[in-house]
Amino acid sequence: MAGKRAFGNPVPVSDLATEILDPMLKKRAGISIGLVQSWEEIAGPRLATHSRPEKIQWPRRLHEDDPFEPATLIVACEGMAALHLQHEAGEVINRVNAFLGFNAIGRIKILQKPVLSQKARPKPAPRPLTEAEKAKLSHLVGKIEDDGLRASLERLGATILGERKPKGS
């Protein structure tokens, strides 16, 4: 892929991923990766955290001469976000159509299902360290001269140790 660019300049991985994923998303879900990536700007941060566009469902055309009919945007929502999205559906449709550049979407269909995977959900805070763990960690990073690096490594160590079960449990 880098050979396609002038002078073999490095290419951002996101550009390569978009080139690979966009055709597949268009074929499978009728949706572009740009719409998925821009969902927070389109729907707003309040709705975007609990919803995501799933696919665009285009109506079947029996003949090529049939007039254009707008599609249905299928959006997955969690809990109360479905009610908020239903209330703001007209505004979201207008924003999606403005993003796409034409009146592609005529209505929104809401699927109520979990949007965030378990991996994306916030982890619980690590447990507080014992005095022995704090002393050992301070001794390990104590010889580092750079204050910022030492503090960063100490926070990293505290996080790692805090996720483990304490010895003796």
C-alpha atoms as a PDB file:
ATOM      1  CA  MET A   1       0.000   0.000   0.000  1.00  0.00           C
ATOM      2  CA  ALA A   2       2.851   2.384   0.746  1.00  0.00           C
ATOM      3  CA  GLY A   3       4.045   1.933  -2.828  1.00  0.00           C
ATOM      4  CA  LYS A   4       0.934   3.717  -4.127  1.00  0.00           C
ATOM      5  CA  ARG A   5       1.986   6.952  -2.423  1.00  0.00           C
ATOM      6  CA  ALA A   6       4.520   9.297  -3.970  1.00  0.00           C
ATOM      7  CA  PHE A   7       8.101   8.732  -2.790  1.00  0.00           C
ATOM      8  CA  GLY A   8       7.091   5.830  -0.498  1.00  0.00           C
ATOM      9  CA  ASN A   9       6.074   8.133   2.335  1.00  0.00           C
ATOM     10  CA  PRO A  10       4.670   6.424   5.419  1.00  0.00           C
ATOM     11  CA  VAL A  11       0.919   6.016   5.461  1.00  0.00           C
ATOM     12  CA  PRO A  12      -1.147   6.300   8.664  1.00  0.00           C
ATOM     13  CA  VAL A  13      -2.610   2.973   9.731  1.00  0.00           C
ATOM     14  CA  SER A  14      -6.057   4.589  10.000  1.00  0.00           C
ATOM     15  CA  ASP A  15      -5.953   5.392   6.268  1.00  0.00           C
ATOM     16  CA  LEU A  16      -5.077   1.788   5.449  1.00  0.00           C
ATOM     17  CA  ALA A  17      -7.809   0.461   7.754  1.00  0.00           C
ATOM     18  CA  THR A  18     -10.354   2.803   6.144  1.00  0.00           C
ATOM     19  CA  GLU A  19      -9.381   1.608   2.658  1.00  0.00           C
ATOM     20  CA  ILE A  20      -9.926  -1.993   3.784  1.00  0.00           C
ATOM     21  CA  LEU A  21     -13.035  -1.575   5.961  1.00  0.00           C
ATOM     22  CA  ASP A  22     -15.031   0.985   3.966  1.00  0.00           C
ATOM     23  CA  PRO A  23     -15.864  -1.283   0.990  1.00  0.00           C
ATOM     24  CA  MET A  24     -16.725  -4.149   3.328  1.00  0.00           C
ATOM     25  CA  LEU A  25     -19.027  -1.974   5.468  1.00  0.00           C
ATOM     26  CA  LYS A  26     -20.724  -0.572   2.370  1.00  0.00           C
ATOM     27  CA  LYS A  27     -21.367  -4.074   1.024  1.00  0.00           C
ATOM     28  CA  ARG A  28     -22.461  -5.647   4.317  1.00  0.00           C
ATOM     29  CA  ALA A  29     -24.260  -2.805   6.079  1.00  0.00           C
ATOM     30  CA  GLY A  30     -24.670  -0.142   3.409  1.00  0.00           C
ATOM     31  CA  ILE A  31     -22.845   2.253   5.711  1.00  0.00           C
ATOM     32  CA  SER A  32     -19.524   4.066   5.459  1.00  0.00           C
ATOM     33  CA  ILE A  33     -16.850   4.080   8.119  1.00  0.00           C
ATOM     34  CA  GLY A  34     -16.960   7.895   8.005  1.00  0.00           C
ATOM     35  CA  LEU A  35     -20.526   7.832   9.366  1.00  0.00           C
ATOM     36  CA  VAL A  36     -19.533   5.475  12.174  1.00  0.00           C
ATOM     37  CA  GLN A  37     -16.459   7.551  13.051  1.00  0.00           C
ATOM     38  CA  SER A  38     -18.428  10.817  12.979  1.00  0.00           C
ATOM     39  CA  TRP A  39     -21.394   9.482  14.943  1.00  0.00           C
ATOM     40  CA  GLU A  40     -20.534  11.532  18.048  1.00  0.00           C
ATOM     41  CA  GLU A  41     -20.520  14.748  16.007  1.00  0.00           C
ATOM     42  CA  ILE A  42     -23.762  13.793  14.266  1.00  0.00           C
ATOM     43  CA  ALA A  43     -25.795  12.501  17.221  1.00  0.00           C
ATOM     44  CA  GLY A  44     -24.121  14.559  19.939  1.00  0.00           C
ATOM     45  CA  PRO A  45     -22.077  13.243  22.856  1.00  0.00           C
ATOM     46  CA  ARG A  46     -25.097  12.430  25.035  1.00  0.00           C
ATOM     47  CA  LEU A  47     -26.632  10.073  22.460  1.00  0.00           C
ATOM     48  CA  ALA A  48     -23.387   8.794  20.946  1.00  0.00           C
ATOM     49  CA  THR A  49     -22.144   7.228  24.170  1.00  0.00           C
ATOM     50  CA  HIS A  50     -25.190   4.938  24.299  1.00  0.00           C
ATOM     51  CA  SER A  51     -25.897   4.392  20.583  1.00  0.00           C
ATOM     52  CA  ARG A  52     -24.200   3.499  17.313  1.00  0.00           C
ATOM     53  CA  PRO A  53     -25.314   3.232  13.692  1.00  0.00           C
ATOM     54  CA  GLU A  54     -25.684  -0.399  12.660  1.00  0.00           C
ATOM     55  CA  LYS A  55     -26.621  -0.231   8.993  1.00  0.00           C
ATOM     56  CA  ILE A  56     -28.489   1.622   6.300  1.00  0.00           C
ATOM     57  CA  GLN A  57     -31.354  -0.383   4.858  1.00  0.00           C
ATOM     58  CA  TRP A  58     -32.223   0.703   1.334  1.00  0.00           C
ATOM     59  CA  PRO A  59     -35.706  -0.087  -0.042  1.00  0.00           C
ATOM     60  CA  ARG A  60     -35.840  -2.617  -2.848  1.00  0.00           C
ATOM     61  CA  ARG A  61     -36.321  -1.248  -6.303  1.00  0.00           C
ATOM     62  CA  LEU A  62     -38.161  -3.540  -8.673  1.00  0.00           C
ATOM     63  CA  HIS A  63     -37.143  -1.567 -11.758  1.00  0.00           C
ATOM     64  CA  GLU A  64     -34.430   0.934 -12.536  1.00  0.00           C
ATOM     65  CA  ASP A  65     -37.150   3.447 -13.417  1.00  0.00           C
ATOM     66  CA  ASP A  66     -38.614   3.398  -9.893  1.00  0.00           C
ATOM     67  CA  PRO A  67     -38.275   6.754  -8.111  1.00  0.00           C
ATOM     68  CA  PHE A  68     -35.658   7.212  -5.401  1.00  0.00           C
ATOM     69  CA  GLU A  69     -36.868   6.418  -1.903  1.00  0.00           C
ATOM     70  CA  PRO A  70     -34.853   7.345   1.189  1.00  0.00           C
ATOM     71  CA  ALA A  71     -33.342   4.577   3.292  1.00  0.00           C
ATOM     72  CA  THR A  72     -33.817   3.571   6.925  1.00  0.00           C
ATOM     73  CA  LEU A  73     -30.927   4.092   9.330  1.00  0.00           C
ATOM     74  CA  ILE A  74     -30.818   1.285  11.877  1.00  0.00           C
ATOM     75  CA  VAL A  75     -29.314   2.439  15.172  1.00  0.00           C
ATOM     76  CA  ALA A  76     -28.461   0.278  18.184  1.00  0.00           C
ATOM     77  CA  CYS A  77     -29.312   1.960  21.502  1.00  0.00           C
ATOM     78  CA  GLU A  78     -29.012   1.188  25.181  1.00  0.00           C
ATOM     79  CA  GLY A  79     -31.788   1.866  27.675  1.00  0.00           C
ATOM     80  CA  MET A  80     -32.993   5.443  27.879  1.00  0.00           C
ATOM     81  CA  ALA A  81     -30.916   6.480  24.860  1.00  0.00           C
ATOM     82  CA  ALA A  82     -33.572   4.815  22.696  1.00  0.00           C
ATOM     83  CA  LEU A  83     -36.211   7.190  24.064  1.00  0.00           C
ATOM     84  CA  HIS A  84     -33.928  10.202  23.596  1.00  0.00           C
ATOM     85  CA  LEU A  85     -33.071   9.122  20.041  1.00  0.00           C
ATOM     86  CA  GLN A  86     -36.746   8.615  19.209  1.00  0.00           C
ATOM     87  CA  HIS A  87     -37.477  12.108  20.499  1.00  0.00           C
ATOM     88  CA  GLU A  88     -34.613  13.643  18.482  1.00  0.00           C
ATOM     89  CA  ALA A  89     -35.000  11.436  15.386  1.00  0.00           C
ATOM     90  CA  GLY A  90     -35.873  14.299  13.034  1.00  0.00           C
ATOM     91  CA  GLU A  91     -32.785  16.280  14.019  1.00  0.00           C
ATOM     92  CA  VAL A  92     -30.517  13.215  13.736  1.00  0.00           C
ATOM     93  CA  ILE A  93     -31.938  12.408  10.290  1.00  0.00           C
ATOM     94  CA  ASN A  94     -31.224  15.974   9.150  1.00  0.00           C
ATOM     95  CA  ARG A  95     -27.660  15.784  10.495  1.00  0.00           C
ATOM     96  CA  VAL A  96     -26.989  12.401   8.843  1.00  0.00           C
ATOM     97  CA  ASN A  97     -28.341  13.673   5.534  1.00  0.00           C
ATOM     98  CA  ALA A  98     -26.175  16.797   5.827  1.00  0.00           C
ATOM     99  CA  PHE A  99     -23.169  14.565   6.535  1.00  0.00           C
ATOM    100  CA  LEU A 100     -23.917  12.334   3.533  1.00  0.00           C
ATOM    101  CA  GLY A 101     -24.645  15.306   1.287  1.00  0.00           C
ATOM    102  CA  PHE A 102     -28.119  14.289   0.110  1.00  0.00           C
ATOM    103  CA  ASN A 103     -31.477  13.123   1.522  1.00  0.00           C
ATOM    104  CA  ALA A 104     -30.429   9.508   1.907  1.00  0.00           C
ATOM    105  CA  ILE A 105     -32.212   8.760   5.212  1.00  0.00           C
ATOM    106  CA  GLY A 106     -35.967   9.010   5.622  1.00  0.00           C
ATOM    107  CA  ARG A 107     -36.440   7.364   8.987  1.00  0.00           C
ATOM    108  CA  ILE A 108     -34.622   5.765  11.907  1.00  0.00           C
ATOM    109  CA  LYS A 109     -35.268   2.273  13.223  1.00  0.00           C
ATOM    110  CA  ILE A 110     -34.091   1.717  16.785  1.00  0.00           C
ATOM    111  CA  LEU A 111     -32.730  -1.610  18.035  1.00  0.00           C
ATOM    112  CA  GLN A 112     -32.480  -1.815  21.798  1.00  0.00           C
ATOM    113  CA  LYS A 113     -29.349  -3.782  22.646  1.00  0.00           C
ATOM    114  CA  PRO A 114     -26.061  -3.296  24.489  1.00  0.00           C
ATOM    115  CA  VAL A 115     -23.779  -0.935  22.595  1.00  0.00           C
ATOM    116  CA  LEU A 116     -20.574  -1.114  24.624  1.00  0.00           C
ATOM    117  CA  SER A 117     -18.763  -4.422  24.835  1.00  0.00           C
ATOM    118  CA  GLN A 118     -17.553  -5.633  28.213  1.00  0.00           C
ATOM    119  CA  LYS A 119     -14.029  -4.624  27.175  1.00  0.00           C
ATOM    120  CA  ALA A 120     -15.124  -1.027  26.567  1.00  0.00           C
ATOM    121  CA  ARG A 121     -16.878  -0.661  29.907  1.00  0.00           C
ATOM    122  CA  PRO A 122     -14.885   1.179  32.553  1.00  0.00           C
ATOM    123  CA  LYS A 123     -12.834  -1.002  34.889  1.00  0.00           C
ATOM    124  CA  PRO A 124     -13.167  -0.675  38.622  1.00  0.00           C
ATOM    125  CA  ALA A 125     -10.508   1.405  40.344  1.00  0.00           C
ATOM    126  CA  PRO A 126      -7.473  -0.568  41.557  1.00  0.00           C
ATOM    127  CA  ARG A 127      -7.294  -1.370  45.248  1.00  0.00           C
ATOM    128  CA  PRO A 128      -5.125   0.765  47.527  1.00  0.00           C
ATOM    129  CA  LEU A 129      -1.580  -0.542  47.984  1.00  0.00           C
ATOM    130  CA  THR A 130      -0.284  -1.872  51.272  1.00  0.00           C
ATOM    131  CA  GLU A 131       2.613  -0.090  52.977  1.00  0.00           C
ATOM    132  CA  ALA A 132       4.983  -2.930  51.987  1.00  0.00           C
ATOM    133  CA  GLU A 133       3.932  -2.620  48.313  1.00  0.00           C
ATOM    134  CA  LYS A 134       4.385   1.159  48.410  1.00  0.00           C
ATOM    135  CA  ALA A 135       7.859   0.816  49.931  1.00  0.00           C
ATOM    136  CA  LYS A 136       8.915  -1.791  47.367  1.00  0.00           C
ATOM    137  CA  LEU A 137       7.626   0.364  44.500  1.00  0.00           C
ATOM    138  CA  SER A 138       9.389   3.480  45.824  1.00  0.00           C
ATOM    139  CA  HIS A 139      12.634   1.497  46.125  1.00  0.00           C
ATOM    140  CA  LEU A 140      12.312   0.197  42.535  1.00  0.00           C
ATOM    141  CA  VAL A 141      11.836   3.634  40.960  1.00  0.00           C
ATOM    142  CA  GLY A 142      13.903   5.612  43.501  1.00  0.00           C
ATOM    143  CA  LYS A 143      17.112   5.658  41.413  1.00  0.00           C
ATOM    144  CA  ILE A 144      15.435   7.280  38.391  1.00  0.00           C
ATOM    145  CA  GLU A 145      16.685  10.868  38.142  1.00  0.00           C
ATOM    146  CA  ASP A 146      13.921  12.375  35.970  1.00  0.00           C
ATOM    147  CA  ASP A 147      11.062  13.399  38.277  1.00  0.00           C
ATOM    148  CA  GLY A 148       8.353  13.106  35.593  1.00  0.00           C
ATOM    149  CA  LEU A 149       9.493   9.644  34.484  1.00  0.00           C
ATOM    150  CA  ARG A 150       9.795   8.452  38.083  1.00  0.00           C
ATOM    151  CA  ALA A 151       6.242   9.669  38.884  1.00  0.00           C
ATOM    152  CA  SER A 152       4.835   8.063  35.742  1.00  0.00           C
ATOM    153  CA  LEU A 153       6.499   4.726  36.485  1.00  0.00           C
ATOM    154  CA  GLU A 154       5.304   4.883  40.075  1.00  0.00           C
ATOM    155  CA  ARG A 155       1.688   5.437  38.905  1.00  0.00           C
ATOM    156  CA  LEU A 156       2.051   2.574  36.422  1.00  0.00           C
ATOM    157  CA  GLY A 157       3.424   0.288  39.108  1.00  0.00           C
ATOM    158  CA  ALA A 158       0.654   1.266  41.526  1.00  0.00           C
ATOM    159  CA  THR A 159      -1.964   0.476  38.885  1.00  0.00           C
ATOM    160  CA  ILE A 160      -0.421  -2.908  38.083  1.00  0.00           C
ATOM    161  CA  LEU A 161      -0.021  -3.877  41.730  1.00  0.00           C
ATOM    162  CA  GLY A 162      -3.508  -2.558  42.565  1.00  0.00           C
ATOM    163  CA  GLU A 163      -5.104  -4.857  39.995  1.00  0.00           C
ATOM    164  CA  ARG A 164      -3.495  -7.941  41.534  1.00  0.00           C
ATOM    165  CA  LYS A 165      -4.870  -9.649  44.599  1.00  0.00           C
ATOM    166  CA  PRO A 166      -2.887  -8.865  47.736  1.00  0.00           C
ATOM    167  CA  LYS A 167      -0.530 -11.619  48.928  1.00  0.00           C
ATOM    168  CA  GLY A 168      -2.036 -13.749  51.606  1.00  0.00           C
ATOM    169  CA  SER A 169      -5.607 -13.585  50.193  1.00  0.00           C
END
